């Protein structure tokens, strides 16, 4: 994320990793900046879905 989205590691918060998803905390101001370059990304050859987590 830091390479493709062009942000520093210090600009992200906690990271949650599971088999089905990854959640990376970023500031509200950075969210759209991060989503756009990652929207066409792939992990292990599979296209990734990027979206803003609304929480529960």
PDB file of N, CA and C in Angstrom:
ATOM      1  N   UNK A   1       0.827  -1.187   0.000  1.00  0.00           N
ATOM      2  CA  UNK A   1       0.000   0.000   0.000  1.00  0.00           C
ATOM      3  C   UNK A   1       0.871   1.250   0.000  1.00  0.00           C
ATOM      4  N   UNK A   2       1.914   1.247   0.795  1.00  0.00           N
ATOM      5  CA  UNK A   2       2.713   2.463   0.885  1.00  0.00           C
ATOM      6  C   UNK A   2       3.389   2.775  -0.448  1.00  0.00           C
ATOM      7  N   UNK A   3       3.816   1.772  -1.180  1.00  0.00           N
ATOM      8  CA  UNK A   3       4.461   2.015  -2.467  1.00  0.00           C
ATOM      9  C   UNK A   3       3.479   2.437  -3.545  1.00  0.00           C
ATOM     10  N   UNK A   4       2.423   1.689  -3.717  1.00  0.00           N
ATOM     11  CA  UNK A   4       1.470   1.963  -4.799  1.00  0.00           C
ATOM     12  C   UNK A   4       0.614   3.202  -4.539  1.00  0.00           C
ATOM     13  N   UNK A   5       0.239   3.427  -3.289  1.00  0.00           N
ATOM     14  CA  UNK A   5      -0.609   4.577  -2.965  1.00  0.00           C
ATOM     15  C   UNK A   5       0.215   5.827  -2.684  1.00  0.00           C
ATOM     16  N   UNK A   6       1.520   5.670  -2.519  1.00  0.00           N
ATOM     17  CA  UNK A   6       2.380   6.823  -2.321  1.00  0.00           C
ATOM     18  C   UNK A   6       2.285   7.474  -0.946  1.00  0.00           C
ATOM     19  N   UNK A   7       1.956   6.671   0.070  1.00  0.00           N
ATOM     20  CA  UNK A   7       1.918   7.229   1.425  1.00  0.00           C
ATOM     21  C   UNK A   7       3.030   6.598   2.255  1.00  0.00           C
ATOM     22  N   UNK A   8       3.416   7.269   3.303  1.00  0.00           N
ATOM     23  CA  UNK A   8       4.431   6.748   4.211  1.00  0.00           C
ATOM     24  C   UNK A   8       3.792   5.792   5.213  1.00  0.00           C
ATOM     25  N   UNK A   9       4.578   4.858   5.717  1.00  0.00           N
ATOM     26  CA  UNK A   9       4.081   3.914   6.709  1.00  0.00           C
ATOM     27  C   UNK A   9       3.569   4.593   7.955  1.00  0.00           C
ATOM     28  N   UNK A  10       4.113   5.753   8.255  1.00  0.00           N
ATOM     29  CA  UNK A  10       3.672   6.495   9.433  1.00  0.00           C
ATOM     30  C   UNK A  10       2.291   7.118   9.243  1.00  0.00           C
ATOM     31  N   UNK A  11       1.777   7.116   8.018  1.00  0.00           N
ATOM     32  CA  UNK A  11       0.460   7.685   7.746  1.00  0.00           C
ATOM     33  C   UNK A  11      -0.655   6.658   7.895  1.00  0.00           C
ATOM     34  N   UNK A  12      -0.302   5.427   8.223  1.00  0.00           N
ATOM     35  CA  UNK A  12      -1.327   4.411   8.441  1.00  0.00           C
ATOM     36  C   UNK A  12      -1.334   4.018   9.907  1.00  0.00           C
ATOM     37  N   UNK A  13      -2.475   3.505  10.340  1.00  0.00           N
ATOM     38  CA  UNK A  13      -2.630   3.077  11.734  1.00  0.00           C
ATOM     39  C   UNK A  13      -2.567   1.578  11.838  1.00  0.00           C
ATOM     40  N   UNK A  14      -3.457   1.018  12.636  1.00  0.00           N
ATOM     41  CA  UNK A  14      -3.442  -0.429  12.851  1.00  0.00           C
ATOM     42  C   UNK A  14      -3.857  -1.176  11.587  1.00  0.00           C
ATOM     43  N   UNK A  15      -3.419  -2.427  11.501  1.00  0.00           N
ATOM     44  CA  UNK A  15      -3.718  -3.283  10.357  1.00  0.00           C
ATOM     45  C   UNK A  15      -4.293  -4.583  10.886  1.00  0.00           C
ATOM     46  N   UNK A  16      -5.459  -4.986  10.359  1.00  0.00           N
ATOM     47  CA  UNK A  16      -6.086  -6.260  10.706  1.00  0.00           C
ATOM     48  C   UNK A  16      -6.020  -7.154   9.479  1.00  0.00           C
ATOM     49  N   UNK A  17      -5.505  -8.373   9.648  1.00  0.00           N
ATOM     50  CA  UNK A  17      -5.385  -9.297   8.524  1.00  0.00           C
ATOM     51  C   UNK A  17      -6.137 -10.581   8.853  1.00  0.00           C
ATOM     52  N   UNK A  18      -7.017 -10.985   7.934  1.00  0.00           N
ATOM     53  CA  UNK A  18      -7.697 -12.270   8.048  1.00  0.00           C
ATOM     54  C   UNK A  18      -7.599 -12.973   6.701  1.00  0.00           C
ATOM     55  N   UNK A  19      -8.147 -14.161   6.603  1.00  0.00           N
ATOM     56  CA  UNK A  19      -8.115 -14.877   5.324  1.00  0.00           C
ATOM     57  C   UNK A  19      -8.982 -14.203   4.275  1.00  0.00           C
ATOM     58  N   UNK A  20     -10.030 -13.499   4.709  1.00  0.00           N
ATOM     59  CA  UNK A  20     -10.992 -12.912   3.781  1.00  0.00           C
ATOM     60  C   UNK A  20     -10.759 -11.437   3.483  1.00  0.00           C
ATOM     61  N   UNK A  21     -10.066 -10.720   4.378  1.00  0.00           N
ATOM     62  CA  UNK A  21      -9.920  -9.278   4.175  1.00  0.00           C
ATOM     63  C   UNK A  21      -8.749  -8.718   4.955  1.00  0.00           C
ATOM     64  N   UNK A  22      -8.369  -7.519   4.603  1.00  0.00           N
ATOM     65  CA  UNK A  22      -7.370  -6.746   5.330  1.00  0.00           C
ATOM     66  C   UNK A  22      -7.959  -5.367   5.572  1.00  0.00           C
ATOM     67  N   UNK A  23      -7.878  -4.884   6.798  1.00  0.00           N
ATOM     68  CA  UNK A  23      -8.322  -3.529   7.120  1.00  0.00           C
ATOM     69  C   UNK A  23      -7.096  -2.733   7.542  1.00  0.00           C
ATOM     70  N   UNK A  24      -6.902  -1.603   6.902  1.00  0.00           N
ATOM     71  CA  UNK A  24      -5.790  -0.717   7.231  1.00  0.00           C
ATOM     72  C   UNK A  24      -6.382   0.632   7.622  1.00  0.00           C
ATOM     73  N   UNK A  25      -6.056   1.102   8.810  1.00  0.00           N
ATOM     74  CA  UNK A  25      -6.545   2.402   9.251  1.00  0.00           C
ATOM     75  C   UNK A  25      -5.710   3.515   8.634  1.00  0.00           C
ATOM     76  N   UNK A  26      -6.397   4.463   8.018  1.00  0.00           N
ATOM     77  CA  UNK A  26      -5.777   5.693   7.528  1.00  0.00           C
ATOM     78  C   UNK A  26      -6.705   6.836   7.899  1.00  0.00           C
ATOM     79  N   UNK A  27      -6.190   8.043   7.896  1.00  0.00           N
ATOM     80  CA  UNK A  27      -7.042   9.185   8.228  1.00  0.00           C
ATOM     81  C   UNK A  27      -8.128   9.350   7.167  1.00  0.00           C
ATOM     82  N   UNK A  28      -9.220   9.974   7.564  1.00  0.00           N
ATOM     83  CA  UNK A  28     -10.324  10.203   6.639  1.00  0.00           C
ATOM     84  C   UNK A  28      -9.851  10.960   5.399  1.00  0.00           C
ATOM     85  N   UNK A  29      -8.962  11.919   5.585  1.00  0.00           N
ATOM     86  CA  UNK A  29      -8.442  12.711   4.473  1.00  0.00           C
ATOM     87  C   UNK A  29      -7.632  11.876   3.484  1.00  0.00           C
ATOM     88  N   UNK A  30      -6.987  10.823   3.961  1.00  0.00           N
ATOM     89  CA  UNK A  30      -6.143   9.990   3.098  1.00  0.00           C
ATOM     90  C   UNK A  30      -6.905   8.859   2.417  1.00  0.00           C
ATOM     91  N   UNK A  31      -8.107   8.536   2.892  1.00  0.00           N
ATOM     92  CA  UNK A  31      -8.837   7.360   2.413  1.00  0.00           C
ATOM     93  C   UNK A  31      -9.022   7.342   0.901  1.00  0.00           C
ATOM     94  N   UNK A  32      -9.540   8.390   0.314  1.00  0.00           N
ATOM     95  CA  UNK A  32      -9.758   8.380  -1.144  1.00  0.00           C
ATOM     96  C   UNK A  32      -8.432   8.382  -1.891  1.00  0.00           C
ATOM     97  N   UNK A  33      -7.410   9.004  -1.336  1.00  0.00           N
ATOM     98  CA  UNK A  33      -6.083   9.014  -1.949  1.00  0.00           C
ATOM     99  C   UNK A  33      -5.508   7.593  -1.996  1.00  0.00           C
ATOM    100  N   UNK A  34      -5.816   6.794  -0.984  1.00  0.00           N
ATOM    101  CA  UNK A  34      -5.314   5.422  -0.915  1.00  0.00           C
ATOM    102  C   UNK A  34      -6.150   4.487  -1.793  1.00  0.00           C
ATOM    103  N   UNK A  35      -7.470   4.649  -1.791  1.00  0.00           N
ATOM    104  CA  UNK A  35      -8.354   3.742  -2.524  1.00  0.00           C
ATOM    105  C   UNK A  35      -8.125   3.753  -4.029  1.00  0.00           C
ATOM    106  N   UNK A  36      -7.973   4.910  -4.601  1.00  0.00           N
ATOM    107  CA  UNK A  36      -7.882   5.016  -6.061  1.00  0.00           C
ATOM    108  C   UNK A  36      -6.740   4.195  -6.661  1.00  0.00           C
ATOM    109  N   UNK A  37      -5.491   4.352  -6.213  1.00  0.00           N
ATOM    110  CA  UNK A  37      -4.425   3.568  -6.833  1.00  0.00           C
ATOM    111  C   UNK A  37      -4.504   2.076  -6.527  1.00  0.00           C
ATOM    112  N   UNK A  38      -5.165   1.688  -5.450  1.00  0.00           N
ATOM    113  CA  UNK A  38      -5.267   0.276  -5.109  1.00  0.00           C
ATOM    114  C   UNK A  38      -6.450  -0.417  -5.772  1.00  0.00           C
ATOM    115  N   UNK A  39      -7.365   0.339  -6.344  1.00  0.00           N
ATOM    116  CA  UNK A  39      -8.593  -0.240  -6.902  1.00  0.00           C
ATOM    117  C   UNK A  39      -8.340  -1.169  -8.082  1.00  0.00           C
ATOM    118  N   UNK A  40      -7.221  -1.025  -8.755  1.00  0.00           N
ATOM    119  CA  UNK A  40      -6.911  -1.920  -9.877  1.00  0.00           C
ATOM    120  C   UNK A  40      -5.840  -2.943  -9.495  1.00  0.00           C
ATOM    121  N   UNK A  41      -5.618  -3.120  -8.192  1.00  0.00           N
ATOM    122  CA  UNK A  41      -4.556  -3.995  -7.714  1.00  0.00           C
ATOM    123  C   UNK A  41      -4.939  -5.460  -7.679  1.00  0.00           C
ATOM    124  N   UNK A  42      -3.919  -6.299  -7.528  1.00  0.00           N
ATOM    125  CA  UNK A  42      -4.105  -7.739  -7.404  1.00  0.00           C
ATOM    126  C   UNK A  42      -3.188  -8.255  -6.306  1.00  0.00           C
ATOM    127  N   UNK A  43      -3.643  -9.288  -5.627  1.00  0.00           N
ATOM    128  CA  UNK A  43      -2.834 -10.009  -4.656  1.00  0.00           C
ATOM    129  C   UNK A  43      -2.853 -11.469  -5.059  1.00  0.00           C
ATOM    130  N   UNK A  44      -1.683 -12.048  -5.277  1.00  0.00           N
ATOM    131  CA  UNK A  44      -1.551 -13.432  -5.742  1.00  0.00           C
ATOM    132  C   UNK A  44      -2.397 -13.684  -6.987  1.00  0.00           C
ATOM    133  N   UNK A  45      -2.420 -12.711  -7.894  1.00  0.00           N
ATOM    134  CA  UNK A  45      -3.127 -12.851  -9.154  1.00  0.00           C
ATOM    135  C   UNK A  45      -4.624 -12.595  -9.094  1.00  0.00           C
ATOM    136  N   UNK A  46      -5.150 -12.318  -7.919  1.00  0.00           N
ATOM    137  CA  UNK A  46      -6.588 -12.075  -7.789  1.00  0.00           C
ATOM    138  C   UNK A  46      -6.834 -10.590  -7.568  1.00  0.00           C
ATOM    139  N   UNK A  47      -7.839 -10.079  -8.272  1.00  0.00           N
ATOM    140  CA  UNK A  47      -8.207  -8.676  -8.151  1.00  0.00           C
ATOM    141  C   UNK A  47      -8.703  -8.390  -6.734  1.00  0.00           C
ATOM    142  N   UNK A  48      -8.302  -7.260  -6.192  1.00  0.00           N
ATOM    143  CA  UNK A  48      -8.742  -6.883  -4.850  1.00  0.00           C
ATOM    144  C   UNK A  48      -9.874  -5.877  -4.926  1.00  0.00           C
ATOM    145  N   UNK A  49     -10.719  -5.901  -3.929  1.00  0.00           N
ATOM    146  CA  UNK A  49     -11.809  -4.940  -3.817  1.00  0.00           C
ATOM    147  C   UNK A  49     -11.423  -3.954  -2.726  1.00  0.00           C
ATOM    148  N   UNK A  50     -11.496  -2.685  -3.035  1.00  0.00           N
ATOM    149  CA  UNK A  50     -11.171  -1.657  -2.047  1.00  0.00           C
ATOM    150  C   UNK A  50     -12.419  -0.854  -1.731  1.00  0.00           C
ATOM    151  N   UNK A  51     -12.589  -0.583  -0.447  1.00  0.00           N
ATOM    152  CA  UNK A  51     -13.731   0.230  -0.032  1.00  0.00           C
ATOM    153  C   UNK A  51     -13.459   0.798   1.349  1.00  0.00           C
ATOM    154  N   UNK A  52     -14.224   1.791   1.706  1.00  0.00           N
ATOM    155  CA  UNK A  52     -14.128   2.387   3.028  1.00  0.00           C
ATOM    156  C   UNK A  52     -14.981   1.577   3.985  1.00  0.00           C
ATOM    157  N   UNK A  53     -14.370   1.111   5.061  1.00  0.00           N
ATOM    158  CA  UNK A  53     -15.079   0.314   6.063  1.00  0.00           C
ATOM    159  C   UNK A  53     -15.935   1.249   6.916  1.00  0.00           C
ATOM    160  N   UNK A  54     -17.208   0.984   6.980  1.00  0.00           N
ATOM    161  CA  UNK A  54     -18.137   1.812   7.742  1.00  0.00           C
ATOM    162  C   UNK A  54     -18.220   1.409   9.205  1.00  0.00           C
ATOM    163  N   UNK A  55     -17.607   0.283   9.576  1.00  0.00           N
ATOM    164  CA  UNK A  55     -17.691  -0.196  10.944  1.00  0.00           C
ATOM    165  C   UNK A  55     -19.055  -0.798  11.219  1.00  0.00           C
ATOM    166  N   UNK A  56     -19.268  -1.129  12.466  1.00  0.00           N
ATOM    167  CA  UNK A  56     -20.581  -1.727  12.823  1.00  0.00           C
ATOM    168  C   UNK A  56     -21.154  -1.054  14.007  1.00  0.00           C
TER     169      UNK A  56
END
